[in-house]
Protein backbone atom coordinates (compact mmCIF):
# COMPACT_ATOMS: atom_id res chain seq x y z
CA TRP A 1 -33.95 4.03 -3.08
CA PRO A 2 -33.44 2.26 -6.89
CA SER A 3 -33.33 -1.36 -5.60
CA ALA A 4 -36.80 -0.63 -4.16
CA LEU A 5 -37.59 1.68 -7.67
CA ALA A 6 -36.55 -2.07 -9.26
CA MET A 7 -38.55 -4.02 -6.58
CA ILE A 8 -41.70 -2.79 -7.36
CA MET A 9 -40.90 -2.31 -11.85
CA LEU A 10 -40.64 -6.60 -10.90
CA GLY A 11 -44.05 -6.71 -9.43
CA PHE A 12 -45.58 -4.48 -12.31
CA SER A 13 -43.51 -6.68 -15.35
CA GLY A 14 -45.78 -9.66 -15.23
CA TYR A 15 -42.31 -12.58 -13.63
CA VAL A 16 -44.70 -12.16 -10.47
CA ASP A 17 -47.67 -11.64 -10.07
CA ASN A 18 -47.90 -8.30 -8.30
CA VAL A 19 -45.73 -5.47 -6.06
CA ALA A 20 -46.03 -8.01 -3.22
CA ALA A 21 -44.73 -10.58 -4.03
CA ALA A 22 -41.48 -9.66 -5.42
CA PHE A 23 -40.72 -8.44 -2.62
CA ASN A 24 -41.66 -11.75 -1.10
CA LEU A 25 -39.68 -13.50 -3.28
CA ALA A 26 -36.82 -10.53 -2.39
CA PHE A 27 -36.41 -11.20 1.33
CA SER A 28 -37.01 -14.92 1.26
CA ASN A 29 -33.41 -15.21 -0.96
CA THR A 30 -30.44 -15.92 1.83
CA VAL A 31 -28.89 -13.60 -0.80
CA VAL A 32 -30.85 -10.58 -0.77
CA HIS A 33 -30.45 -10.92 2.87
CA GLN A 34 -26.73 -11.31 2.95
CA ILE A 35 -26.59 -8.25 0.68
CA LEU A 36 -28.99 -6.29 3.09
CA TRP A 37 -26.75 -6.73 6.27
CA LEU A 38 -23.21 -6.32 4.06
CA LEU A 39 -24.51 -2.57 3.25
CA ILE A 40 -25.51 -2.46 6.59
CA MET A 41 -22.01 -2.55 7.72
CA SER A 42 -21.33 -0.80 5.35
CA ALA A 43 -22.89 2.33 6.15
CA LEU A 44 -21.43 1.55 9.58
CA LEU A 45 -17.91 1.62 8.61
CA LYS A 46 -19.11 4.82 7.16
CA VAL A 47 -20.88 6.36 10.22
CA SER A 48 -18.57 5.71 12.58
CA GLY A 49 -15.40 7.24 11.51
CA LEU A 50 -14.01 3.83 10.71
CA ALA A 51 -13.46 3.47 6.72
CA ALA A 52 -11.69 6.97 7.63
CA TRP A 53 -9.33 5.74 10.24
CA LEU A 54 -8.42 2.39 8.89
CA ALA A 55 -7.95 4.85 5.49
CA ASN A 56 -5.72 7.41 7.42
CA THR A 57 -3.88 3.55 9.11
CA LEU A 58 -3.09 2.73 5.28
CA ILE A 59 -1.60 5.82 4.34
CA SER A 60 -0.02 6.28 6.99
CA VAL A 61 2.32 3.57 7.54
CA LYS A 62 5.87 3.86 6.72
CA ALA A 63 6.51 1.40 4.11
CA LEU A 64 3.59 2.96 2.14
CA LYS A 65 4.86 6.27 2.30
CA SER A 66 4.83 7.66 -1.13
CA ARG A 67 4.76 3.27 -2.99
CA PRO A 68 0.66 4.17 -3.90
CA TRP A 69 1.20 1.47 -5.82
CA MET A 70 1.99 -0.87 -2.90
CA LEU A 71 -1.08 0.38 -1.33
CA SER A 72 -3.11 -0.61 -4.06
CA ALA A 73 -1.70 -3.90 -4.18
CA ILE A 74 -2.89 -4.49 -0.35
CA ILE A 75 -6.34 -3.19 -0.84
CA ILE A 76 -6.88 -5.64 -4.01
CA MET A 77 -5.33 -8.33 -1.82
CA ILE A 78 -7.31 -7.93 1.07
CA ALA A 79 -10.68 -8.35 -1.79
CA TYR A 80 -8.68 -11.80 -2.46
CA ILE A 81 -8.21 -13.05 0.54
CA CYS A 82 -11.96 -12.39 2.15
CA ALA A 83 -13.21 -14.14 -1.45
CA ALA A 84 -10.95 -17.31 -0.98
CA PHE A 85 -11.95 -17.52 2.52
CA GLN A 86 -16.23 -17.28 1.05
CA CYS A 87 -16.19 -13.41 2.38
CA GLY A 88 -16.26 -12.30 -0.95
CA PHE A 89 -19.37 -9.11 -0.39
CA ALA A 90 -17.85 -8.54 2.29
CA GLY A 91 -14.77 -7.93 1.23
CA LEU A 92 -15.36 -6.07 -1.45
CA LEU A 93 -17.50 -3.39 0.86
CA LEU A 94 -14.79 -3.72 3.36
CA CYS A 95 -11.99 -2.62 0.09
CA TRP A 96 -14.36 -0.27 -1.02
CA ASN A 97 -15.25 2.35 1.78
CA PHE A 98 -11.05 2.37 2.31
CA ILE A 99 -10.83 3.03 -1.26
CA TYR A 100 -13.38 6.25 -1.46
CA ALA A 101 -11.94 7.12 2.47
CA ILE A 102 -8.82 7.30 0.78
CA CYS A 103 -9.50 9.40 -1.94
CA GLU A 104 -11.47 11.98 1.15
CA GLN A 105 -7.77 11.61 2.79
CA THR A 106 -6.14 12.92 -0.25
CA GLY A 107 -8.24 14.81 -2.24
CA ILE A 108 -8.71 12.73 -5.32
CA PRO A 109 -11.67 13.02 -6.66
CA LYS A 110 -14.47 9.65 -6.61
CA HIS A 111 -14.65 9.20 -10.62
CA THR A 112 -11.08 9.31 -12.20
CA LYS A 113 -8.58 6.97 -12.78
CA TRP A 114 -7.33 6.09 -9.30
CA PRO A 115 -10.72 4.48 -7.73
CA ASN A 116 -12.49 3.02 -11.09
CA MET A 117 -9.01 1.04 -11.20
CA MET A 118 -9.46 0.02 -7.79
CA ILE A 119 -13.45 -0.87 -7.78
CA MET A 120 -13.10 -3.52 -10.63
CA SER A 121 -9.58 -4.35 -9.56
CA CYS A 122 -11.00 -5.48 -5.95
CA VAL A 123 -13.86 -7.29 -8.03
CA PHE A 124 -11.53 -8.95 -10.11
CA ALA A 125 -9.48 -9.88 -6.84
CA GLY A 126 -12.16 -11.25 -5.68
CA CYS A 127 -13.15 -13.24 -8.73
CA MET A 128 -9.55 -14.89 -8.69
CA GLY A 129 -9.95 -15.30 -5.01
CA SER A 130 -13.22 -17.29 -5.67
CA SER A 131 -10.78 -20.23 -7.62
CA VAL A 132 -8.28 -20.71 -5.44
CA MET A 133 -9.90 -23.61 -2.13
CA PRO A 134 -12.19 -25.45 -3.21
CA TYR A 135 -15.07 -25.68 -1.28
CA TYR A 136 -17.51 -23.36 -3.14
CA SER A 137 -19.99 -25.00 -5.08
CA GLY A 138 -19.82 -24.85 -8.37
CA THR A 139 -15.96 -26.44 -7.82
CA VAL A 140 -17.43 -29.24 -5.69
CA ALA A 141 -20.46 -30.13 -7.96
CA THR A 142 -18.06 -30.22 -10.65
CA TYR A 143 -16.39 -32.76 -9.52
CA GLY A 144 -18.94 -34.81 -8.06
CA TYR A 145 -20.24 -34.68 -12.04
CA LEU A 146 -16.55 -36.17 -12.91
CA THR A 147 -16.60 -38.49 -10.19
CA THR A 148 -18.96 -39.80 -11.14
CA ALA A 149 -19.29 -40.14 -15.03
CA SER A 150 -16.03 -41.92 -14.70
CA ALA A 151 -17.49 -44.09 -11.97
CA GLY A 152 -14.75 -43.08 -10.05
CA VAL A 153 -11.92 -43.24 -11.81
CA ILE A 154 -11.21 -40.04 -12.10
CA THR A 155 -11.29 -38.08 -8.16
CA TYR A 156 -9.61 -35.20 -7.27
CA ASN A 157 -6.75 -33.83 -5.07
CA TYR A 158 -8.00 -31.18 -2.80
CA MET A 159 -3.74 -30.48 -2.14
CA SER A 160 -4.29 -29.85 -6.02
CA HIS A 161 -6.52 -27.83 -6.81
CA VAL A 162 -5.24 -25.61 -4.15
CA THR A 163 -1.86 -25.32 -5.37
CA PHE A 164 -2.72 -24.76 -8.79
CA GLY A 165 -5.87 -22.15 -8.19
CA LEU A 166 -3.50 -19.99 -6.31
CA LEU A 167 -0.55 -19.82 -8.69
CA TYR A 168 -2.64 -19.36 -11.08
CA SER A 169 -5.10 -17.08 -9.70
CA LEU A 170 -1.83 -14.92 -8.67
CA ALA A 171 0.03 -15.06 -12.56
CA ILE A 172 -2.94 -13.80 -13.78
CA MET A 173 -3.53 -10.87 -11.09
CA ALA A 174 0.27 -9.94 -11.51
CA VAL A 175 -0.56 -9.72 -15.84
CA TYR A 176 -3.57 -7.56 -14.75
CA PHE A 177 -2.06 -5.43 -12.01
CA LEU A 178 0.64 -4.43 -14.75
CA LEU A 179 -1.64 -3.75 -17.28
CA CYS A 180 -3.13 -1.08 -15.19
CA ARG A 181 0.37 0.92 -14.50
CA LEU A 182 1.35 0.22 -18.58
CA ILE A 183 -2.12 1.08 -20.09
CA VAL A 184 -4.16 3.04 -17.20
CA ARG A 185 -1.81 4.50 -15.64
CA PRO A 186 -3.72 6.53 -12.92
CA ASP A 187 -2.78 9.74 -11.24
CA MET A 188 -0.79 9.18 -9.01
CA THR A 189 0.91 12.58 -7.51
CA PRO A 190 -1.65 13.33 -4.43
CA PHE A 191 0.35 10.65 -3.23
CA ARG A 192 3.60 11.27 -3.06
CA LYS A 193 2.71 14.55 -1.29
CA GLU A 194 2.95 15.33 2.38
CA LEU A 195 -0.73 14.61 3.60
CA ASN A 196 -1.64 16.27 6.28
CA LEU A 197 -4.07 14.20 8.31
CA GLY A 198 -3.43 15.34 11.99
CA GLU A 199 -2.99 13.02 14.87
CA LYS A 200 -3.95 10.27 15.29
CA LYS A 201 -6.87 9.32 17.44
CA PRO A 202 -7.98 6.22 19.25
CA LEU A 203 -10.43 3.96 18.54
CA ASP A 204 -13.57 4.81 19.97
CA THR A 205 -16.30 2.84 21.98
CA ASN A 206 -18.86 2.76 18.72
CA GLN A 207 -15.47 1.64 16.25
CA LYS A 208 -14.82 -0.60 18.52
CA ILE A 209 -18.24 -1.77 18.52
CA VAL A 210 -18.16 -1.95 14.76
CA ILE A 211 -14.87 -4.50 14.72
CA ALA A 212 -16.06 -6.38 16.83
CA MET A 213 -19.82 -7.07 15.31
CA ILE A 214 -17.66 -7.04 11.92
CA PHE A 215 -15.98 -10.14 12.75
CA GLY A 216 -19.09 -11.36 14.76
CA MET A 217 -20.42 -11.81 10.80
CA VAL A 218 -17.70 -13.16 9.45
CA LEU A 219 -17.04 -15.78 12.03
CA CYS A 220 -20.28 -16.74 11.30
């Protein structure tokens, strides 16, 4: 509703001729289509119970029990890896679903330090991940300008770009994560309690269909 109201107000702002023109402009934009489908997939994750199932699976992993910072780092790295392979929006929505599902399972209020820190951390990780691979339009354009301006004297090496981007982004993220531990210092007590998650249920048919749809969306 807030988005729809914003589009209606845009139609009265004078930026476009009328409300219909605002909606036509929005729905002719591929980014709007992408976000719309991602929001639908995000809702499917929640409604189908897949987000809660994945959250339970993460929390139940033996190596992550009573290790909330390790769990947090894994969620952040999922956002980082998705962004590196041009699935930044999908990675963000997936991780945000994980975070809120984990809050429900552990009893952590959704507007306290840990979920707020994780929401921002996933966005930051997405920004860092998008700087690793050389096939993003900004990177290609910048290198193209340099090559053209130097009449071919300055060239670029993909492997050098990936190596530098990987080391630089991981170093920045490590510093960021350390600052979160030292300055933000969210309450991790709920993670260290013995959680009664009940018997782990297998994936049902609807959840399997949602997983197939997600993989199809990523591959396409």
